[in-house]
Amino acid sequence: MIQGNCLCAAVKYEVTAESQMQGLCYCTDCQIIGGSSHWASYAVAPSDFRLLQGSLTEFAYDPGSGREVVRCFCDQCGTQIKVVSAELGVASVNAMTFSNSEAFSPKLTYFSGSAPAWCTVEAGLAKFEAMA
């Protein structure tokens, strides 16, 4: 089990399953919302994420795939905690909010073709470029 929290610690959560898809997402949405070259994604089933304390504000939108994506933020400090696609059955938890950073070990990249030119994408990670 992995536990984590937002910057102000108003939100605390746990992830009850090990992720089979740990990766770095370089899509432009993740870059814009995170202010960085990528998002650290620890993907699990939505039911494997449990909010222990606090509340999340949701922002739902279609990123251009025709599927709704819901980004969830601490309603106090704004830390993005997870991104959910109910249609795909996945919750991408922000691995940088884990209490133990060693619990995250990226194995792949998502949309590395969208990485900024100044960014070095880890060559040893498998590439996943598109979602069906």
Protein backbone atom coordinates (compact mmCIF):
# COMPACT_ATOMS: atom_id res chain seq x y z
CA MET A 1 0.00 0.00 0.00
CA ILE A 2 1.24 3.48 -0.89
CA GLN A 3 0.26 6.65 0.92
CA GLY A 4 0.58 10.22 -0.23
CA ASN A 5 -0.56 13.77 0.31
CA CYS A 6 -0.78 17.17 -1.32
CA LEU A 7 1.60 20.06 -0.63
CA CYS A 8 -0.41 21.47 2.29
CA ALA A 9 -1.29 17.98 3.65
CA ALA A 10 -5.03 18.73 3.63
CA VAL A 11 -5.45 15.77 1.26
CA LYS A 12 -4.19 12.34 2.26
CA TYR A 13 -4.78 9.19 0.26
CA GLU A 14 -3.67 5.62 -0.25
CA VAL A 15 -3.24 3.41 -3.29
CA THR A 16 -4.13 -0.19 -2.51
CA ALA A 17 -2.70 -1.96 -5.58
CA GLU A 18 0.64 -2.10 -7.33
CA SER A 19 0.69 -0.33 -10.68
CA GLN A 20 1.37 -2.32 -13.83
CA MET A 21 1.92 0.94 -15.76
CA GLN A 22 4.34 3.34 -14.13
CA GLY A 23 5.51 6.00 -16.51
CA LEU A 24 6.26 9.56 -17.48
CA CYS A 25 3.63 11.33 -19.60
CA TYR A 26 4.91 14.03 -21.95
CA CYS A 27 1.54 15.01 -23.46
CA THR A 28 1.02 18.75 -23.78
CA ASP A 29 -1.91 18.72 -21.31
CA CYS A 30 0.33 17.28 -18.59
CA GLN A 31 3.03 19.82 -19.42
CA ILE A 32 0.64 22.76 -19.22
CA ILE A 33 -1.14 21.70 -16.04
CA GLY A 34 2.05 20.60 -14.25
CA GLY A 35 4.42 23.31 -15.42
CA SER A 36 7.00 20.64 -16.23
CA SER A 37 8.13 18.42 -19.09
CA HIS A 38 6.11 15.45 -17.84
CA TRP A 39 3.67 13.90 -15.34
CA ALA A 40 4.79 11.00 -13.11
CA SER A 41 1.97 8.48 -13.61
CA TYR A 42 1.27 5.59 -11.27
CA ALA A 43 -1.73 4.03 -13.05
CA VAL A 44 -4.21 1.89 -11.14
CA ALA A 45 -7.92 1.07 -11.32
CA PRO A 46 -10.01 3.96 -9.92
CA SER A 47 -11.22 1.66 -7.12
CA ASP A 48 -7.58 1.21 -5.98
CA PHE A 49 -7.36 4.89 -4.97
CA ARG A 50 -8.81 5.77 -1.58
CA LEU A 51 -9.13 9.31 -0.26
CA LEU A 52 -8.37 9.28 3.48
CA GLN A 53 -8.64 12.99 4.29
CA GLY A 54 -9.65 16.22 2.62
CA SER A 55 -11.50 16.80 -0.62
CA LEU A 56 -10.65 17.07 -4.28
CA THR A 57 -11.88 19.57 -6.84
CA GLU A 58 -12.54 18.01 -10.23
CA PHE A 59 -11.98 19.49 -13.68
CA ALA A 60 -13.52 17.39 -16.48
CA TYR A 61 -12.74 17.86 -20.17
CA ASP A 62 -12.17 16.07 -23.49
CA PRO A 63 -8.47 16.23 -24.39
CA GLY A 64 -9.30 15.54 -28.04
CA SER A 65 -9.70 11.77 -27.79
CA GLY A 66 -13.49 11.82 -27.46
CA ARG A 67 -13.16 10.47 -23.90
CA GLU A 68 -13.75 12.48 -20.76
CA VAL A 69 -10.74 12.98 -18.50
CA VAL A 70 -11.14 14.23 -14.94
CA ARG A 71 -8.21 15.97 -13.24
CA CYS A 72 -8.47 16.08 -9.44
CA PHE A 73 -6.81 18.74 -7.29
CA CYS A 74 -6.55 19.56 -3.60
CA ASP A 75 -9.16 22.26 -3.10
CA GLN A 76 -6.84 24.04 -0.63
CA CYS A 77 -3.39 24.21 -2.28
CA GLY A 78 -4.16 23.11 -5.86
CA THR A 79 -1.83 20.09 -5.98
CA GLN A 80 -2.97 17.75 -8.74
CA ILE A 81 -3.43 14.34 -7.12
CA LYS A 82 -4.81 12.18 -9.92
CA VAL A 83 -6.22 12.05 -13.43
CA VAL A 84 -9.11 9.68 -14.10
CA SER A 85 -10.48 8.19 -17.30
CA ALA A 86 -13.53 6.17 -16.28
CA GLU A 87 -13.97 4.99 -19.85
CA LEU A 88 -10.47 3.44 -19.84
CA GLY A 89 -10.85 2.30 -16.22
CA VAL A 90 -7.70 4.03 -15.04
CA ALA A 91 -6.65 6.50 -12.37
CA SER A 92 -3.23 8.03 -12.96
CA VAL A 93 -1.98 9.01 -9.51
CA ASN A 94 0.67 11.72 -9.18
CA ALA A 95 3.67 9.67 -8.04
CA MET A 96 5.47 12.83 -6.92
CA THR A 97 2.95 13.11 -4.07
CA PHE A 98 3.87 9.70 -2.59
CA SER A 99 5.20 9.71 0.97
CA ASN A 100 7.86 7.25 -0.19
CA SER A 101 9.33 8.28 -3.55
CA GLU A 102 10.96 4.85 -3.88
CA ALA A 103 7.49 3.38 -4.56
CA PHE A 104 7.62 4.90 -8.06
CA SER A 105 9.79 3.28 -10.71
CA PRO A 106 8.88 4.41 -14.25
CA LYS A 107 9.07 1.73 -16.92
CA LEU A 108 7.64 3.60 -19.92
CA THR A 109 6.96 6.99 -21.45
CA TYR A 110 3.68 8.23 -22.83
CA PHE A 111 3.67 10.65 -25.78
CA SER A 112 7.44 11.26 -25.65
CA GLY A 113 7.16 12.77 -29.13
CA SER A 114 5.55 15.78 -27.42
CA ALA A 115 8.49 16.30 -25.04
CA PRO A 116 10.03 19.78 -25.20
CA ALA A 117 13.17 20.02 -27.37
CA TRP A 118 15.27 20.87 -24.29
CA CYS A 119 14.09 17.77 -22.42
CA THR A 120 16.04 14.51 -22.40
CA VAL A 121 13.67 11.54 -22.48
CA GLU A 122 15.10 8.46 -20.74
CA ALA A 123 16.11 6.17 -23.62
CA GLY A 124 15.81 2.99 -21.53
CA LEU A 125 12.06 3.36 -21.01
CA ALA A 126 9.55 1.71 -23.35
CA LYS A 127 7.56 4.14 -25.50
CA PHE A 128 3.76 4.29 -25.58
CA GLU A 129 2.66 6.91 -28.07
CA ALA A 130 -1.09 6.62 -28.63
CA MET A 131 -4.27 5.57 -26.90
CA ALA A 132 -6.88 3.72 -28.94
